[in-house]
């Protein structure tokens, strides 16, 4: 007789889903500390480094376009298992990488894995939330991704600086964690199929018309966060190295981790903030962070760099958490996976464009000029987001629509 597998409770499934989000950001951030090492070893330009970084969101975009609604039909659990499995394989590819081509392959696998898993995990958090606080899912999504990124930067920096096989061991940790998360997701209950959902087939992502306006606001909010994150993760290590004059990868990783720590703290402390207010305040704070980045690039001040990490982390957390809070409560469960995937698709498109643009400019004209061009463009996006969020909030208050209260 085959032994029956003991499945996780709803609360256990909630935390298993959170671990998937943390793993996706761990995978995304794991190579960041090592980019200067790869650049020095293989004589790579800033353009090459940022295109390696951008391979992740570009592949993720393709996967979201084709498979964005898949978790609504095959279930959140199966979609997450497929995504986590690809992330595990990406760790093996990075571990064995003999040249730069393998880095592109590894990033592509990470992007494909995140594309399958991140929308499903975000939807699963909403659906398995046992708390009376409806905004807990969006705040924990933010905190989980911040935790994954923080640990990736610190662990990768420590291992790369002090352990043998610096370009392999951190990915060995990623492979191990992927295996643990895979088992946790496997233990989640099977999702009963929704009779109203047709069998999956490749199709264009669809946003329900009643949620269209809030979808635009939420997508712009997450895009602001991801655009700031693109500059931070693709060029942050190079900026920190240039400002501090250190080649110690743990120091660089610790500096970069300050921002992700602030993302997590903000998400936990302000988890009950109104979603519209979070987007507006976060966009304004992000504008301040971009101004600090401009000053940092022009003055070469390490103090301003640290302040940028702090302010940028707070702004990222608020716009990301607020955007997810808005869209999660505006969509029905049968459309939630597809709608969240559409949101991530456009947000990662902004991230890819920002990363590639920053890298090309940094290679051709230097880091300072790259920041001078990119920061104002992201600032305009943040300002537009704050205005549209304010308009949507006012319209909903007048019509008394109970969204994200």
Foldseek 3Di string as FASTA:
>chain_A
DDDDFAFDDLVLLLVLLLLLLLLLLLLLQQCLLVLVVQCVVQVDALLLLLVLSLLQLVLLLVLCFFCQQVCLAQNLLVLLLVLLVLLLVLLVLQQPDPHSVSSSVSSNSSSNSCSSHVLSSLLSNQVSDPDPQSLLSLLSSQLSSLNSNLCSLQVLLCCLQPNPSSRRVSSVVSNVSSVVSSVSSVSHDRDDHDPVDDHDGTDGQDDPPQCVLLLVLLLLLLLLLLLLVLCCRSCVLVLVCVLVVDSRSNVSSNLSSLLSVLLNVLSVVCSNPQLLVLLLVLLVLCLVLLVLVLVCLVPSDVVSSSVSSNSSSNSSNSSSSSSSQQLSQRDDSSNSSSSSSVSSSSSSVSSSVSSSQLSVCCRVPNNNVSSVPSSVVSSVSSVVSNVSSVVVVVVCVVVVPPTRD
